[in-house]
């Protein structure tokens, strides 16, 4: 590998815009000497797209992504591979909070359509956050029709509310352990509210379970996409609770390489715009594997960016190595 440089050329053929990614490379020049000899591999999910979203009628447009650069703890690392949609099927867990407003039931048809339209080879799991446990309706399967049929109505009553949504997220992340590394994601339908330790725990920085969920998702290489809908404690219009809840979902998604979707403070009238944007993100998602020179246990901060300033890359902010 001359000059420690790796050049990877990828083309992504999408149902809508075509994204052309060339020169995906990581050419670290001078690296700090690591007192520990050896390296280890790290795989994280990334999504590559333009800062200005493409329109559907721009299907013939090509976008030069330039060189992709990975930094871990401010040191450049060597990219081993960037696997795209075509050669890395998606493992997706749909997790739905069972005490959400019954308005969510109006969108079940769209949720089922989204599952059926996933790329062939995708594996889907469907579960509900109910009481103190994760109610699994469908284990991971590549039978998309079976996964779609497992979607059921939400009860919408406070008696089935989970302790907090992040307990269920943590439990869901354990289900990925039996799957091969690759493109992984959770689609969480929730209000994002954690009052398990009083109203103070609804503040994003005060929720221990939220922090645990983020660290475990980063460790497992799972991007979490969240759709906000009001639930038993947030449908009364309490602005402080709703702000804390939405901020928590935003933190969860941002720090794991996903995205949070909101439409005001109540359950959206339509999930259609959310699914359209999510489809773009998932079709532009890659499994990026690189060599880490940091062997020390603990938290490692990650930054992924392109030499093309018009390209935006969403990725986990870091991960926890144990």
C-alpha atoms as a PDB file:
ATOM      1  CA  UNK A   1       0.000   0.000   0.000  1.00  0.00           C
ATOM      2  CA  UNK A   2       2.065   2.868  -1.330  1.00  0.00           C
ATOM      3  CA  UNK A   3       2.203   5.920   0.919  1.00  0.00           C
ATOM      4  CA  UNK A   4      -0.330   4.213   3.178  1.00  0.00           C
ATOM      5  CA  UNK A   5      -3.055   5.327   0.771  1.00  0.00           C
ATOM      6  CA  UNK A   6      -6.219   3.454  -0.060  1.00  0.00           C
ATOM      7  CA  UNK A   7      -8.393   4.598  -2.976  1.00  0.00           C
ATOM      8  CA  UNK A   8     -11.910   3.228  -3.234  1.00  0.00           C
ATOM      9  CA  UNK A   9     -14.377   4.054  -6.021  1.00  0.00           C
ATOM     10  CA  UNK A  10     -18.069   3.492  -5.459  1.00  0.00           C
ATOM     11  CA  UNK A  11     -21.216   4.213  -7.450  1.00  0.00           C
ATOM     12  CA  UNK A  12     -24.620   4.198  -5.808  1.00  0.00           C
ATOM     13  CA  UNK A  13     -27.581   3.674  -8.112  1.00  0.00           C
ATOM     14  CA  UNK A  14     -30.713   4.870  -6.340  1.00  0.00           C
ATOM     15  CA  UNK A  15     -34.386   4.835  -7.127  1.00  0.00           C
ATOM     16  CA  UNK A  16     -34.340   8.644  -7.109  1.00  0.00           C
ATOM     17  CA  UNK A  17     -31.087  10.633  -7.420  1.00  0.00           C
ATOM     18  CA  UNK A  18     -27.855   8.922  -8.401  1.00  0.00           C
ATOM     19  CA  UNK A  19     -25.028   9.646  -6.016  1.00  0.00           C
ATOM     20  CA  UNK A  20     -21.547   9.142  -7.446  1.00  0.00           C
ATOM     21  CA  UNK A  21     -18.852   8.655  -4.849  1.00  0.00           C
ATOM     22  CA  UNK A  22     -15.291   8.606  -6.107  1.00  0.00           C
ATOM     23  CA  UNK A  23     -11.903   8.776  -4.541  1.00  0.00           C
ATOM     24  CA  UNK A  24     -13.118   7.567  -1.150  1.00  0.00           C
ATOM     25  CA  UNK A  25      -9.757   7.514   0.489  1.00  0.00           C
ATOM     26  CA  UNK A  26      -7.935   7.952   3.698  1.00  0.00           C
ATOM     27  CA  UNK A  27      -4.368   9.084   3.073  1.00  0.00           C
ATOM     28  CA  UNK A  28      -2.922   9.823   6.497  1.00  0.00           C
ATOM     29  CA  UNK A  29       0.412  11.505   6.141  1.00  0.00           C
ATOM     30  CA  UNK A  30       2.062  11.792   9.505  1.00  0.00           C
ATOM     31  CA  UNK A  31       0.530  10.009  12.453  1.00  0.00           C
ATOM     32  CA  UNK A  32       1.466  10.251  16.073  1.00  0.00           C
ATOM     33  CA  UNK A  33       3.350   7.231  17.312  1.00  0.00           C
ATOM     34  CA  UNK A  34       1.235   4.986  19.431  1.00  0.00           C
ATOM     35  CA  UNK A  35       2.998   3.478  22.388  1.00  0.00           C
ATOM     36  CA  UNK A  36       0.874   0.353  21.918  1.00  0.00           C
ATOM     37  CA  UNK A  37       1.855  -1.615  18.842  1.00  0.00           C
ATOM     38  CA  UNK A  38      -0.883  -3.024  16.637  1.00  0.00           C
ATOM     39  CA  UNK A  39      -4.230  -1.895  15.342  1.00  0.00           C
ATOM     40  CA  UNK A  40      -7.837  -3.034  15.427  1.00  0.00           C
ATOM     41  CA  UNK A  41     -10.731  -2.733  12.983  1.00  0.00           C
ATOM     42  CA  UNK A  42     -13.744  -0.512  13.599  1.00  0.00           C
ATOM     43  CA  UNK A  43     -16.965  -0.498  11.553  1.00  0.00           C
ATOM     44  CA  UNK A  44     -19.419   2.420  11.722  1.00  0.00           C
ATOM     45  CA  UNK A  45     -22.482   3.416   9.667  1.00  0.00           C
ATOM     46  CA  UNK A  46     -22.233   6.604   7.607  1.00  0.00           C
ATOM     47  CA  UNK A  47     -24.674   8.358   5.270  1.00  0.00           C
ATOM     48  CA  UNK A  48     -23.361  10.468   2.393  1.00  0.00           C
ATOM     49  CA  UNK A  49     -25.468  13.117   0.686  1.00  0.00           C
ATOM     50  CA  UNK A  50     -25.385  16.744  -0.399  1.00  0.00           C
ATOM     51  CA  UNK A  51     -25.996  19.551   2.061  1.00  0.00           C
ATOM     52  CA  UNK A  52     -28.753  20.767  -0.240  1.00  0.00           C
ATOM     53  CA  UNK A  53     -31.161  17.875  -0.603  1.00  0.00           C
ATOM     54  CA  UNK A  54     -31.588  16.638  -4.158  1.00  0.00           C
ATOM     55  CA  UNK A  55     -34.951  16.903  -5.818  1.00  0.00           C
ATOM     56  CA  UNK A  56     -36.643  13.868  -7.278  1.00  0.00           C
ATOM     57  CA  UNK A  57     -36.429  15.222 -10.814  1.00  0.00           C
ATOM     58  CA  UNK A  58     -32.615  15.370 -10.634  1.00  0.00           C
ATOM     59  CA  UNK A  59     -32.204  11.636 -11.219  1.00  0.00           C
ATOM     60  CA  UNK A  60     -29.406  12.110 -13.711  1.00  0.00           C
ATOM     61  CA  UNK A  61     -27.297  14.299 -11.473  1.00  0.00           C
ATOM     62  CA  UNK A  62     -23.928  12.991 -10.336  1.00  0.00           C
ATOM     63  CA  UNK A  63     -22.260  14.214  -7.187  1.00  0.00           C
ATOM     64  CA  UNK A  64     -18.525  14.091  -6.633  1.00  0.00           C
ATOM     65  CA  UNK A  65     -17.967  13.122  -3.003  1.00  0.00           C
ATOM     66  CA  UNK A  66     -14.212  13.678  -3.110  1.00  0.00           C
ATOM     67  CA  UNK A  67     -11.951  12.012  -0.575  1.00  0.00           C
ATOM     68  CA  UNK A  68     -13.513  10.596   2.568  1.00  0.00           C
ATOM     69  CA  UNK A  69     -11.384  11.133   5.654  1.00  0.00           C
ATOM     70  CA  UNK A  70     -11.712   9.461   9.041  1.00  0.00           C
ATOM     71  CA  UNK A  71     -10.260  10.879  12.235  1.00  0.00           C
ATOM     72  CA  UNK A  72     -10.348   9.113  15.588  1.00  0.00           C
ATOM     73  CA  UNK A  73      -9.366  11.182  18.603  1.00  0.00           C
ATOM     74  CA  UNK A  74      -8.070  13.773  16.077  1.00  0.00           C
ATOM     75  CA  UNK A  75      -5.691  11.251  14.435  1.00  0.00           C
ATOM     76  CA  UNK A  76      -6.288  10.252  10.813  1.00  0.00           C
ATOM     77  CA  UNK A  77      -6.952   6.552  10.285  1.00  0.00           C
ATOM     78  CA  UNK A  78      -6.671   4.198   7.314  1.00  0.00           C
ATOM     79  CA  UNK A  79      -9.906   3.159   5.594  1.00  0.00           C
ATOM     80  CA  UNK A  80     -10.144  -0.538   4.762  1.00  0.00           C
ATOM     81  CA  UNK A  81     -13.501  -0.582   3.000  1.00  0.00           C
ATOM     82  CA  UNK A  82     -16.703   1.343   2.377  1.00  0.00           C
ATOM     83  CA  UNK A  83     -19.488  -1.085   1.577  1.00  0.00           C
ATOM     84  CA  UNK A  84     -22.602   0.236  -0.106  1.00  0.00           C
ATOM     85  CA  UNK A  85     -26.253  -0.755  -0.265  1.00  0.00           C
ATOM     86  CA  UNK A  86     -25.716  -3.297  -3.038  1.00  0.00           C
ATOM     87  CA  UNK A  87     -23.212  -5.495  -1.205  1.00  0.00           C
ATOM     88  CA  UNK A  88     -24.250  -4.934   2.416  1.00  0.00           C
ATOM     89  CA  UNK A  89     -27.924  -5.670   3.158  1.00  0.00           C
ATOM     90  CA  UNK A  90     -29.565  -3.614   5.888  1.00  0.00           C
ATOM     91  CA  UNK A  91     -30.500  -4.975   9.322  1.00  0.00           C
ATOM     92  CA  UNK A  92     -33.341  -2.763  10.601  1.00  0.00           C
ATOM     93  CA  UNK A  93     -35.271  -2.987  13.871  1.00  0.00           C
ATOM     94  CA  UNK A  94     -38.601  -1.111  14.038  1.00  0.00           C
ATOM     95  CA  UNK A  95     -39.377  -0.265  17.651  1.00  0.00           C
ATOM     96  CA  UNK A  96     -42.752   1.282  18.475  1.00  0.00           C
ATOM     97  CA  UNK A  97     -43.815   2.728  21.840  1.00  0.00           C
ATOM     98  CA  UNK A  98     -47.163   1.136  22.720  1.00  0.00           C
ATOM     99  CA  UNK A  99     -48.651   4.113  24.574  1.00  0.00           C
ATOM    100  CA  UNK A 100     -48.291   6.486  21.635  1.00  0.00           C
ATOM    101  CA  UNK A 101     -51.308   8.480  20.571  1.00  0.00           C
ATOM    102  CA  UNK A 102     -53.757   6.297  18.639  1.00  0.00           C
ATOM    103  CA  UNK A 103     -53.299   8.764  15.761  1.00  0.00           C
ATOM    104  CA  UNK A 104     -50.236   6.635  14.938  1.00  0.00           C
ATOM    105  CA  UNK A 105     -52.592   3.847  13.891  1.00  0.00           C
ATOM    106  CA  UNK A 106     -53.586   5.992  10.907  1.00  0.00           C
ATOM    107  CA  UNK A 107     -50.037   5.566   9.602  1.00  0.00           C
ATOM    108  CA  UNK A 108     -49.690   1.791   9.904  1.00  0.00           C
ATOM    109  CA  UNK A 109     -50.300   1.271   6.188  1.00  0.00           C
ATOM    110  CA  UNK A 110     -47.406   3.579   5.354  1.00  0.00           C
ATOM    111  CA  UNK A 111     -45.137   1.812   7.842  1.00  0.00           C
ATOM    112  CA  UNK A 112     -45.951  -1.527   6.221  1.00  0.00           C
ATOM    113  CA  UNK A 113     -45.289  -0.106   2.756  1.00  0.00           C
ATOM    114  CA  UNK A 114     -41.919   1.169   3.932  1.00  0.00           C
ATOM    115  CA  UNK A 115     -40.953  -2.320   5.133  1.00  0.00           C
ATOM    116  CA  UNK A 116     -42.064  -3.981   1.887  1.00  0.00           C
ATOM    117  CA  UNK A 117     -40.028  -1.494  -0.191  1.00  0.00           C
ATOM    118  CA  UNK A 118     -36.742  -2.144   1.604  1.00  0.00           C
ATOM    119  CA  UNK A 119     -33.934  -3.580  -0.577  1.00  0.00           C
ATOM    120  CA  UNK A 120     -33.981  -7.318  -1.138  1.00  0.00           C
ATOM    121  CA  UNK A 121     -31.886  -9.127   1.461  1.00  0.00           C
ATOM    122  CA  UNK A 122     -32.710  -6.659   4.224  1.00  0.00           C
ATOM    123  CA  UNK A 123     -33.471  -8.147   7.633  1.00  0.00           C
ATOM    124  CA  UNK A 124     -36.254  -6.609   9.700  1.00  0.00           C
ATOM    125  CA  UNK A 125     -37.300  -6.968  13.314  1.00  0.00           C
ATOM    126  CA  UNK A 126     -40.533  -5.506  14.761  1.00  0.00           C
ATOM    127  CA  UNK A 127     -40.999  -4.855  18.480  1.00  0.00           C
ATOM    128  CA  UNK A 128     -43.143  -2.758  20.809  1.00  0.00           C
ATOM    129  CA  UNK A 129     -42.112  -0.919  23.974  1.00  0.00           C
ATOM    130  CA  UNK A 130     -44.728  -2.137  26.404  1.00  0.00           C
ATOM    131  CA  UNK A 131     -44.553  -1.906  30.196  1.00  0.00           C
ATOM    132  CA  UNK A 132     -41.215  -3.090  31.487  1.00  0.00           C
ATOM    133  CA  UNK A 133     -40.288  -5.270  28.544  1.00  0.00           C
ATOM    134  CA  UNK A 134     -39.670  -5.388  24.819  1.00  0.00           C
ATOM    135  CA  UNK A 135     -42.606  -7.122  23.125  1.00  0.00           C
ATOM    136  CA  UNK A 136     -41.137  -8.734  19.992  1.00  0.00           C
ATOM    137  CA  UNK A 137     -43.725  -9.296  17.271  1.00  0.00           C
ATOM    138  CA  UNK A 138     -41.219 -10.470  14.649  1.00  0.00           C
ATOM    139  CA  UNK A 139     -37.609 -11.557  15.110  1.00  0.00           C
ATOM    140  CA  UNK A 140     -35.060 -10.528  12.482  1.00  0.00           C
ATOM    141  CA  UNK A 141     -36.180 -11.977   9.162  1.00  0.00           C
ATOM    142  CA  UNK A 142     -35.516 -11.397   5.479  1.00  0.00           C
ATOM    143  CA  UNK A 143     -39.206 -12.134   4.794  1.00  0.00           C
ATOM    144  CA  UNK A 144     -40.303  -8.513   4.414  1.00  0.00           C
ATOM    145  CA  UNK A 145     -43.951  -9.463   3.962  1.00  0.00           C
ATOM    146  CA  UNK A 146     -43.964 -11.337   7.278  1.00  0.00           C
ATOM    147  CA  UNK A 147     -42.322  -8.357   8.971  1.00  0.00           C
ATOM    148  CA  UNK A 148     -44.905  -5.969   7.510  1.00  0.00           C
ATOM    149  CA  UNK A 149     -47.789  -8.161   8.647  1.00  0.00           C
ATOM    150  CA  UNK A 150     -46.431  -8.198  12.210  1.00  0.00           C
ATOM    151  CA  UNK A 151     -47.150  -4.468  12.582  1.00  0.00           C
ATOM    152  CA  UNK A 152     -50.147  -4.034  14.906  1.00  0.00           C
ATOM    153  CA  UNK A 153     -52.084  -1.093  16.329  1.00  0.00           C
ATOM    154  CA  UNK A 154     -50.794   0.744  19.392  1.00  0.00           C
ATOM    155  CA  UNK A 155     -53.023   0.668  22.452  1.00  0.00           C
ATOM    156  CA  UNK A 156     -52.470   4.316  23.294  1.00  0.00           C
ATOM    157  CA  UNK A 157     -53.121   3.955  27.033  1.00  0.00           C
ATOM    158  CA  UNK A 158     -50.834   5.015  29.854  1.00  0.00           C
ATOM    159  CA  UNK A 159     -51.079   1.626  31.554  1.00  0.00           C
ATOM    160  CA  UNK A 160     -48.768   0.065  28.953  1.00  0.00           C
ATOM    161  CA  UNK A 161     -46.215   2.907  28.942  1.00  0.00           C
ATOM    162  CA  UNK A 162     -42.597   1.719  29.163  1.00  0.00           C
ATOM    163  CA  UNK A 163     -40.388   2.758  32.077  1.00  0.00           C
ATOM    164  CA  UNK A 164     -38.643   4.854  29.456  1.00  0.00           C
ATOM    165  CA  UNK A 165     -38.044   4.277  25.724  1.00  0.00           C
ATOM    166  CA  UNK A 166     -34.291   3.857  26.119  1.00  0.00           C
ATOM    167  CA  UNK A 167     -34.551   0.643  28.144  1.00  0.00           C
ATOM    168  CA  UNK A 168     -36.183  -0.893  25.084  1.00  0.00           C
ATOM    169  CA  UNK A 169     -33.569   0.542  22.757  1.00  0.00           C
ATOM    170  CA  UNK A 170     -30.833  -1.060  24.865  1.00  0.00           C
ATOM    171  CA  UNK A 171     -32.658  -4.394  24.759  1.00  0.00           C
ATOM    172  CA  UNK A 172     -33.102  -4.077  20.985  1.00  0.00           C
ATOM    173  CA  UNK A 173     -29.383  -3.460  20.503  1.00  0.00           C
ATOM    174  CA  UNK A 174     -28.647  -6.832  22.095  1.00  0.00           C
ATOM    175  CA  UNK A 175     -30.589  -8.476  19.250  1.00  0.00           C
ATOM    176  CA  UNK A 176     -27.994  -7.264  16.746  1.00  0.00           C
ATOM    177  CA  UNK A 177     -25.239  -9.286  18.421  1.00  0.00           C
ATOM    178  CA  UNK A 178     -26.113 -12.451  16.485  1.00  0.00           C
ATOM    179  CA  UNK A 179     -26.010 -10.617  13.146  1.00  0.00           C
ATOM    180  CA  UNK A 180     -22.911 -10.082  10.989  1.00  0.00           C
ATOM    181  CA  UNK A 181     -21.289  -6.652  10.943  1.00  0.00           C
ATOM    182  CA  UNK A 182     -22.604  -4.309   8.298  1.00  0.00           C
ATOM    183  CA  UNK A 183     -25.329  -1.732   7.823  1.00  0.00           C
ATOM    184  CA  UNK A 184     -27.437  -1.625  10.980  1.00  0.00           C
ATOM    185  CA  UNK A 185     -30.214   0.716  12.044  1.00  0.00           C
ATOM    186  CA  UNK A 186     -33.115   1.161  14.453  1.00  0.00           C
ATOM    187  CA  UNK A 187     -36.263   3.058  13.508  1.00  0.00           C
ATOM    188  CA  UNK A 188     -37.755   4.254  16.789  1.00  0.00           C
ATOM    189  CA  UNK A 189     -41.341   5.545  17.000  1.00  0.00           C
ATOM    190  CA  UNK A 190     -41.472   7.277  20.366  1.00  0.00           C
ATOM    191  CA  UNK A 191     -42.061  10.508  22.261  1.00  0.00           C
ATOM    192  CA  UNK A 192     -38.534  10.160  23.709  1.00  0.00           C
ATOM    193  CA  UNK A 193     -39.601  11.051  27.251  1.00  0.00           C
ATOM    194  CA  UNK A 194     -37.718   9.606  30.226  1.00  0.00           C
ATOM    195  CA  UNK A 195     -39.260  10.349  33.618  1.00  0.00           C
ATOM    196  CA  UNK A 196     -38.112   7.091  35.242  1.00  0.00           C
ATOM    197  CA  UNK A 197     -36.191   9.064  37.866  1.00  0.00           C
ATOM    198  CA  UNK A 198     -38.520  12.034  38.078  1.00  0.00           C
ATOM    199  CA  UNK A 199     -39.072  14.930  35.731  1.00  0.00           C
ATOM    200  CA  UNK A 200     -35.399  15.936  36.001  1.00  0.00           C
ATOM    201  CA  UNK A 201     -34.419  12.779  34.087  1.00  0.00           C
ATOM    202  CA  UNK A 202     -36.406  14.049  31.100  1.00  0.00           C
ATOM    203  CA  UNK A 203     -33.561  16.511  30.451  1.00  0.00           C
ATOM    204  CA  UNK A 204     -31.275  14.869  27.840  1.00  0.00           C
ATOM    205  CA  UNK A 205     -28.113  15.396  29.882  1.00  0.00           C
ATOM    206  CA  UNK A 206     -29.706  13.842  32.991  1.00  0.00           C
ATOM    207  CA  UNK A 207     -31.009  10.582  31.531  1.00  0.00           C
ATOM    208  CA  UNK A 208     -28.591   7.765  32.333  1.00  0.00           C
ATOM    209  CA  UNK A 209     -30.499   5.281  30.183  1.00  0.00           C
ATOM    210  CA  UNK A 210     -30.297   7.635  27.205  1.00  0.00           C
ATOM    211  CA  UNK A 211     -26.511   7.803  27.610  1.00  0.00           C
ATOM    212  CA  UNK A 212     -26.299   4.009  27.904  1.00  0.00           C
ATOM    213  CA  UNK A 213     -28.374   3.569  24.754  1.00  0.00           C
ATOM    214  CA  UNK A 214     -26.122   5.954  22.816  1.00  0.00           C
ATOM    215  CA  UNK A 215     -22.902   4.237  23.953  1.00  0.00           C
ATOM    216  CA  UNK A 216     -24.215   0.753  23.175  1.00  0.00           C
ATOM    217  CA  UNK A 217     -25.476   1.830  19.748  1.00  0.00           C
ATOM    218  CA  UNK A 218     -22.094   3.374  18.962  1.00  0.00           C
ATOM    219  CA  UNK A 219     -20.336   0.221  20.131  1.00  0.00           C
ATOM    220  CA  UNK A 220     -22.614  -1.969  17.980  1.00  0.00           C
ATOM    221  CA  UNK A 221     -22.420   0.285  14.917  1.00  0.00           C
ATOM    222  CA  UNK A 222     -26.188   0.895  14.865  1.00  0.00           C
ATOM    223  CA  UNK A 223     -27.598   4.183  13.545  1.00  0.00           C
ATOM    224  CA  UNK A 224     -30.837   5.194  15.276  1.00  0.00           C
ATOM    225  CA  UNK A 225     -33.505   7.100  13.334  1.00  0.00           C
ATOM    226  CA  UNK A 226     -36.390   8.404  15.410  1.00  0.00           C
ATOM    227  CA  UNK A 227     -39.913   9.541  14.530  1.00  0.00           C
ATOM    228  CA  UNK A 228     -41.522  11.685  17.215  1.00  0.00           C
ATOM    229  CA  UNK A 229     -45.148  11.068  18.145  1.00  0.00           C
ATOM    230  CA  UNK A 230     -46.918  12.176  21.308  1.00  0.00           C
ATOM    231  CA  UNK A 231     -47.648   9.624  24.044  1.00  0.00           C
ATOM    232  CA  UNK A 232     -49.573   9.459  27.312  1.00  0.00           C
ATOM    233  CA  UNK A 233     -47.401  12.063  29.089  1.00  0.00           C
ATOM    234  CA  UNK A 234     -46.644  14.344  26.149  1.00  0.00           C
ATOM    235  CA  UNK A 235     -50.018  14.649  24.419  1.00  0.00           C
ATOM    236  CA  UNK A 236     -51.273  17.094  27.059  1.00  0.00           C
ATOM    237  CA  UNK A 237     -49.178  19.856  25.496  1.00  0.00           C
ATOM    238  CA  UNK A 238     -46.665  20.407  28.332  1.00  0.00           C
ATOM    239  CA  UNK A 239     -44.076  22.394  26.383  1.00  0.00           C
ATOM    240  CA  UNK A 240     -41.176  21.708  28.782  1.00  0.00           C
ATOM    241  CA  UNK A 241     -41.691  17.943  28.707  1.00  0.00           C
ATOM    242  CA  UNK A 242     -42.102  17.925  24.930  1.00  0.00           C
ATOM    243  CA  UNK A 243     -38.946  19.994  24.440  1.00  0.00           C
ATOM    244  CA  UNK A 244     -36.953  17.647  26.677  1.00  0.00           C
ATOM    245  CA  UNK A 245     -38.411  14.586  24.957  1.00  0.00           C
ATOM    246  CA  UNK A 246     -37.666  15.811  21.432  1.00  0.00           C
ATOM    247  CA  UNK A 247     -34.206  16.974  22.460  1.00  0.00           C
ATOM    248  CA  UNK A 248     -33.522  13.497  23.829  1.00  0.00           C
ATOM    249  CA  UNK A 249     -34.502  11.866  20.541  1.00  0.00           C
ATOM    250  CA  UNK A 250     -32.364  14.368  18.687  1.00  0.00           C
ATOM    251  CA  UNK A 251     -29.374  13.550  20.891  1.00  0.00           C
ATOM    252  CA  UNK A 252     -29.926   9.810  20.457  1.00  0.00           C
ATOM    253  CA  UNK A 253     -30.049  10.051  16.669  1.00  0.00           C
ATOM    254  CA  UNK A 254     -27.310  12.646  16.184  1.00  0.00           C
ATOM    255  CA  UNK A 255     -24.752  10.794  18.285  1.00  0.00           C
ATOM    256  CA  UNK A 256     -25.390   7.418  16.648  1.00  0.00           C
ATOM    257  CA  UNK A 257     -25.278   8.592  13.032  1.00  0.00           C
ATOM    258  CA  UNK A 258     -29.042   8.712  12.446  1.00  0.00           C
ATOM    259  CA  UNK A 259     -31.566  11.534  12.305  1.00  0.00           C
ATOM    260  CA  UNK A 260     -34.578  12.602  14.350  1.00  0.00           C
ATOM    261  CA  UNK A 261     -37.804  13.643  12.611  1.00  0.00           C
ATOM    262  CA  UNK A 262     -40.378  16.002  14.152  1.00  0.00           C
ATOM    263  CA  UNK A 263     -43.444  17.878  12.954  1.00  0.00           C
ATOM    264  CA  UNK A 264     -44.442  20.295  15.670  1.00  0.00           C
ATOM    265  CA  UNK A 265     -45.286  19.066  19.164  1.00  0.00           C
ATOM    266  CA  UNK A 266     -47.928  16.459  18.304  1.00  0.00           C
ATOM    267  CA  UNK A 267     -48.160  13.271  16.275  1.00  0.00           C
ATOM    268  CA  UNK A 268     -47.530  14.221  12.618  1.00  0.00           C
ATOM    269  CA  UNK A 269     -50.464  14.431  10.264  1.00  0.00           C
ATOM    270  CA  UNK A 270     -48.412  12.363   7.812  1.00  0.00           C
ATOM    271  CA  UNK A 271     -45.224  10.307   8.061  1.00  0.00           C
ATOM    272  CA  UNK A 272     -44.812  10.528   4.274  1.00  0.00           C
ATOM    273  CA  UNK A 273     -42.112  13.266   4.298  1.00  0.00           C
ATOM    274  CA  UNK A 274     -40.245  11.417   7.059  1.00  0.00           C
ATOM    275  CA  UNK A 275     -40.192   8.134   5.144  1.00  0.00           C
ATOM    276  CA  UNK A 276     -39.101   9.894   1.954  1.00  0.00           C
ATOM    277  CA  UNK A 277     -36.094  11.464   3.700  1.00  0.00           C
ATOM    278  CA  UNK A 278     -35.342   8.250   5.579  1.00  0.00           C
ATOM    279  CA  UNK A 279     -35.356   6.314   2.313  1.00  0.00           C
ATOM    280  CA  UNK A 280     -32.748   8.687   0.895  1.00  0.00           C
ATOM    281  CA  UNK A 281     -30.576   8.340   3.993  1.00  0.00           C
ATOM    282  CA  UNK A 282     -30.752   4.548   4.084  1.00  0.00           C
ATOM    283  CA  UNK A 283     -30.039   4.216   0.362  1.00  0.00           C
ATOM    284  CA  UNK A 284     -27.000   6.415   0.836  1.00  0.00           C
ATOM    285  CA  UNK A 285     -25.805   4.579   3.908  1.00  0.00           C
ATOM    286  CA  UNK A 286     -22.488   2.736   3.969  1.00  0.00           C
ATOM    287  CA  UNK A 287     -20.674   0.454   6.354  1.00  0.00           C
ATOM    288  CA  UNK A 288     -17.272   2.102   6.775  1.00  0.00           C
ATOM    289  CA  UNK A 289     -14.450  -0.044   8.171  1.00  0.00           C
ATOM    290  CA  UNK A 290     -11.126   1.449   9.185  1.00  0.00           C
ATOM    291  CA  UNK A 291      -7.994   0.578  11.155  1.00  0.00           C
ATOM    292  CA  UNK A 292      -7.870   2.188  14.573  1.00  0.00           C
ATOM    293  CA  UNK A 293      -4.485   2.850  16.115  1.00  0.00           C
ATOM    294  CA  UNK A 294      -6.041   3.551  19.505  1.00  0.00           C
ATOM    295  CA  UNK A 295      -6.043   0.398  21.614  1.00  0.00           C
ATOM    296  CA  UNK A 296      -6.884   2.045  24.911  1.00  0.00           C
ATOM    297  CA  UNK A 297     -10.252   1.106  26.374  1.00  0.00           C
ATOM    298  CA  UNK A 298     -12.831   3.836  26.781  1.00  0.00           C
ATOM    299  CA  UNK A 299     -14.577   6.413  24.622  1.00  0.00           C
ATOM    300  CA  UNK A 300     -13.093   7.400  21.244  1.00  0.00           C
ATOM    301  CA  UNK A 301     -14.369  10.415  19.312  1.00  0.00           C
ATOM    302  CA  UNK A 302     -14.856   9.977  15.556  1.00  0.00           C
ATOM    303  CA  UNK A 303     -15.047  12.505  12.743  1.00  0.00           C
ATOM    304  CA  UNK A 304     -15.801  11.604   9.110  1.00  0.00           C
ATOM    305  CA  UNK A 305     -15.765  14.257   6.410  1.00  0.00           C
ATOM    306  CA  UNK A 306     -15.221  14.865   2.707  1.00  0.00           C
ATOM    307  CA  UNK A 307     -12.833  17.132   0.858  1.00  0.00           C
ATOM    308  CA  UNK A 308     -15.882  18.325  -1.104  1.00  0.00           C
ATOM    309  CA  UNK A 309     -17.510  21.078   1.037  1.00  0.00           C
ATOM    310  CA  UNK A 310     -20.899  20.444  -0.602  1.00  0.00           C
ATOM    311  CA  UNK A 311     -21.045  16.896   0.736  1.00  0.00           C
ATOM    312  CA  UNK A 312     -22.470  16.130   4.180  1.00  0.00           C
ATOM    313  CA  UNK A 313     -21.688  12.907   6.026  1.00  0.00           C
ATOM    314  CA  UNK A 314     -23.765  11.774   8.997  1.00  0.00           C
ATOM    315  CA  UNK A 315     -22.033   9.354  11.350  1.00  0.00           C
ATOM    316  CA  UNK A 316     -21.762   8.392  15.031  1.00  0.00           C
ATOM    317  CA  UNK A 317     -19.882  10.994  17.062  1.00  0.00           C
ATOM    318  CA  UNK A 318     -17.838   8.253  18.675  1.00  0.00           C
ATOM    319  CA  UNK A 319     -17.939   4.820  20.252  1.00  0.00           C
ATOM    320  CA  UNK A 320     -16.966   3.051  23.431  1.00  0.00           C
ATOM    321  CA  UNK A 321     -14.199   0.426  23.248  1.00  0.00           C
ATOM    322  CA  UNK A 322     -14.044  -2.099  26.033  1.00  0.00           C
END
